[in-house]
C-alpha atoms as a PDB file:
ATOM      1  CA  MET A   1      -0.054  -0.142  -0.186  1.00  0.00           C
ATOM      2  CA  VAL A   2       1.491   3.179   1.165  1.00  0.00           C
ATOM      3  CA  PHE A   3       5.179   2.134   1.850  1.00  0.00           C
ATOM      4  CA  TRP A   4       5.775  -0.809  -0.594  1.00  0.00           C
ATOM      5  CA  ASN A   5       8.461   1.111  -2.492  1.00  0.00           C
ATOM      6  CA  THR A   6      10.093   2.183   0.482  1.00  0.00           C
ATOM      7  CA  PHE A   7      10.635  -1.380   1.427  1.00  0.00           C
ATOM      8  CA  SER A   8      11.517  -2.650  -1.683  1.00  0.00           C
ATOM      9  CA  SER A   9      14.731  -4.960  -2.143  1.00  0.00           C
ATOM     10  CA  ARG A  10      16.706  -1.957  -3.683  1.00  0.00           C
ATOM     11  CA  SER A  11      15.923   0.446  -0.542  1.00  0.00           C
ATOM     12  CA  THR A  12      19.034   1.702   1.144  1.00  0.00           C
ATOM     13  CA  LEU A  13      17.464   2.170   4.813  1.00  0.00           C
ATOM     14  CA  SER A  14      19.816   0.822   7.558  1.00  0.00           C
ATOM     15  CA  PRO A  15      18.017  -1.859   9.785  1.00  0.00           C
ATOM     16  CA  ARG A  16      17.512   1.037  12.402  1.00  0.00           C
ATOM     17  CA  GLN A  17      15.736   3.067   9.706  1.00  0.00           C
ATOM     18  CA  ALA A  18      13.741   0.386   8.389  1.00  0.00           C
ATOM     19  CA  LEU A  19      12.470  -0.410  12.032  1.00  0.00           C
ATOM     20  CA  GLU A  20      11.769   3.077  13.172  1.00  0.00           C
ATOM     21  CA  LEU A  21       9.414   2.979   9.855  1.00  0.00           C
ATOM     22  CA  ALA A  22       7.584  -0.113  10.720  1.00  0.00           C
ATOM     23  CA  HIS A  23       7.181   0.884  14.213  1.00  0.00           C
ATOM     24  CA  ASN A  24       6.738   4.857  14.022  1.00  0.00           C
ATOM     25  CA  ILE A  25       4.779   4.889  10.581  1.00  0.00           C
ATOM     26  CA  CYS A  26       2.939   1.661   9.789  1.00  0.00           C
ATOM     27  CA  LEU A  27       2.136   0.254  13.345  1.00  0.00           C
ATOM     28  CA  ASP A  28       1.083   3.837  14.724  1.00  0.00           C
ATOM     29  CA  ASN A  29      -1.186   4.604  11.879  1.00  0.00           C
ATOM     30  CA  ALA A  30      -2.489   0.890  11.849  1.00  0.00           C
ATOM     31  CA  ARG A  31      -3.768   1.347  15.457  1.00  0.00           C
ATOM     32  CA  GLN A  32      -5.309   4.996  14.501  1.00  0.00           C
ATOM     33  CA  ALA A  33      -7.120   3.362  11.386  1.00  0.00           C
ATOM     34  CA  LYS A  34     -10.723   3.372  11.560  1.00  0.00           C
ATOM     35  CA  ASP A  35     -11.087   0.708   8.418  1.00  0.00           C
ATOM     36  CA  SER A  36      -9.685  -2.768   9.541  1.00  0.00           C
ATOM     37  CA  GLU A  37      -8.481  -3.303   5.978  1.00  0.00           C
ATOM     38  CA  VAL A  38      -6.339  -0.032   6.048  1.00  0.00           C
ATOM     39  CA  ALA A  39      -5.084  -1.191   9.583  1.00  0.00           C
ATOM     40  CA  LEU A  40      -4.403  -4.933   8.096  1.00  0.00           C
ATOM     41  CA  GLN A  41      -2.484  -3.586   4.824  1.00  0.00           C
ATOM     42  CA  LEU A  42      -0.141  -1.014   7.090  1.00  0.00           C
ATOM     43  CA  CYS A  43       0.486  -4.373   9.399  1.00  0.00           C
ATOM     44  CA  ASP A  44       1.519  -6.139   6.129  1.00  0.00           C
ATOM     45  CA  ASP A  45       3.755  -3.279   5.431  1.00  0.00           C
ATOM     46  CA  ALA A  46       5.143  -3.279   8.871  1.00  0.00           C
ATOM     47  CA  ALA A  47       5.970  -6.858   8.402  1.00  0.00           C
ATOM     48  CA  VAL A  48       7.475  -6.462   4.888  1.00  0.00           C
ATOM     49  CA  ALA A  49      10.052  -3.792   6.449  1.00  0.00           C
ATOM     50  CA  LEU A  50      10.719  -6.190   9.181  1.00  0.00           C
ATOM     51  CA  SER A  51      11.724  -8.910   6.633  1.00  0.00           C
ATOM     52  CA  HIS A  52      14.221  -7.008   5.076  1.00  0.00           C
ATOM     53  CA  ILE A  53      15.572  -6.289   8.389  1.00  0.00           C
ATOM     54  CA  ARG A  54      15.783 -10.143   8.811  1.00  0.00           C
ATOM     55  CA  ARG A  55      17.418 -10.618   5.440  1.00  0.00           C
ATOM     56  CA  ALA A  56      20.143  -8.246   6.231  1.00  0.00           C
ATOM     57  CA  ASN A  57      21.628 -11.315   8.426  1.00  0.00           C
ATOM     58  CA  LYS A  58      21.511  -9.946  11.810  1.00  0.00           C
ATOM     59  CA  ALA A  59      21.938  -6.279  10.964  1.00  0.00           C
ATOM     60  CA  PRO A  60      25.769  -5.960   9.851  1.00  0.00           C
ATOM     61  CA  SER A  61      26.024  -2.191   9.441  1.00  0.00           C
ATOM     62  CA  VAL A  62      25.248  -2.130  13.250  1.00  0.00           C
ATOM     63  CA  ARG A  63      28.266  -1.968  15.825  1.00  0.00           C
ATOM     64  CA  LEU A  64      28.196  -5.067  17.715  1.00  0.00           C
ATOM     65  CA  ASP A  65      27.544  -3.208  21.151  1.00  0.00           C
ATOM     66  CA  ASP A  66      24.287  -1.750  19.694  1.00  0.00           C
ATOM     67  CA  GLN A  67      23.274  -5.154  18.205  1.00  0.00           C
ATOM     68  CA  GLN A  68      21.570  -6.398  21.169  1.00  0.00           C
ATOM     69  CA  ALA A  69      19.619  -3.297  21.903  1.00  0.00           C
ATOM     70  CA  LEU A  70      18.601  -3.635  17.991  1.00  0.00           C
ATOM     71  CA  PHE A  71      17.538  -7.333  18.315  1.00  0.00           C
ATOM     72  CA  LYS A  72      15.080  -6.303  21.428  1.00  0.00           C
ATOM     73  CA  GLU A  73      13.676  -3.440  19.680  1.00  0.00           C
ATOM     74  CA  ILE A  74      13.042  -5.689  16.420  1.00  0.00           C
ATOM     75  CA  ALA A  75      11.493  -8.360  18.853  1.00  0.00           C
ATOM     76  CA  ASP A  76       9.356  -5.535  20.477  1.00  0.00           C
ATOM     77  CA  VAL A  77       7.978  -4.795  17.275  1.00  0.00           C
ATOM     78  CA  TYR A  78       7.209  -8.180  16.347  1.00  0.00           C
ATOM     79  CA  ILE A  79       5.257  -8.502  19.347  1.00  0.00           C
ATOM     80  CA  GLU A  80       3.251  -5.184  18.660  1.00  0.00           C
ATOM     81  CA  LEU A  81       2.708  -6.269  15.211  1.00  0.00           C
ATOM     82  CA  GLY A  82       1.232  -9.618  16.602  1.00  0.00           C
ATOM     83  CA  LYS A  83      -1.321  -7.932  18.972  1.00  0.00           C
ATOM     84  CA  LEU A  84      -2.221  -5.820  16.484  1.00  0.00           C
ATOM     85  CA  GLN A  85      -2.889  -8.604  14.037  1.00  0.00           C
ATOM     86  CA  ASP A  86      -4.638 -10.405  16.876  1.00  0.00           C
ATOM     87  CA  GLY A  87      -6.923  -7.420  17.420  1.00  0.00           C
ATOM     88  CA  LEU A  88      -7.914  -7.549  13.489  1.00  0.00           C
ATOM     89  CA  GLY A  89      -8.500 -11.368  13.312  1.00  0.00           C
ATOM     90  CA  GLN A  90      -5.339 -12.350  11.791  1.00  0.00           C
ATOM     91  CA  SER A  91      -4.466 -14.785  14.605  1.00  0.00           C
ATOM     92  CA  ASP A  92      -2.086 -17.018  12.456  1.00  0.00           C
ATOM     93  CA  LYS A  93      -0.098 -14.088  11.269  1.00  0.00           C
ATOM     94  CA  ALA A  94       0.133 -13.109  14.959  1.00  0.00           C
ATOM     95  CA  GLN A  95       1.463 -16.392  16.245  1.00  0.00           C
ATOM     96  CA  ALA A  96       3.954 -16.495  13.490  1.00  0.00           C
ATOM     97  CA  ASN A  97       5.032 -12.703  14.469  1.00  0.00           C
ATOM     98  CA  TYR A  98       5.102 -13.756  18.253  1.00  0.00           C
ATOM     99  CA  LYS A  99       7.673 -16.556  17.497  1.00  0.00           C
ATOM    100  CA  ARG A 100       9.840 -14.223  15.098  1.00  0.00           C
ATOM    101  CA  ALA A 101       9.826 -11.861  18.353  1.00  0.00           C
ATOM    102  CA  GLU A 102      11.269 -15.007  20.504  1.00  0.00           C
ATOM    103  CA  LEU A 103      13.977 -15.712  17.885  1.00  0.00           C
ATOM    104  CA  TRP A 104      15.072 -11.971  17.659  1.00  0.00           C
ATOM    105  CA  GLY A 105      14.624 -11.354  21.721  1.00  0.00           C
END
């Protein structure tokens, strides 16, 4: 939807920038959306951003001492995404994201 170009495979966003977009733009707007279809699309956009971080293979552009904090933030965003998806009737997607949070956290 809105941010799909931002999260393309050619994106130059750092893992932290992608995480910020997923959390502060997609999930915040999904929480405020009055239309559940819009909220679901924003959740999907957040999931795409998180998948790009995951593919970056443990955020190699981040200093080692910052990695643990970044991984915790990623886990927290996966949990938040899961909660939103649960509330929108997407329990299968939510459960998958709770498991991803465990892997990162």
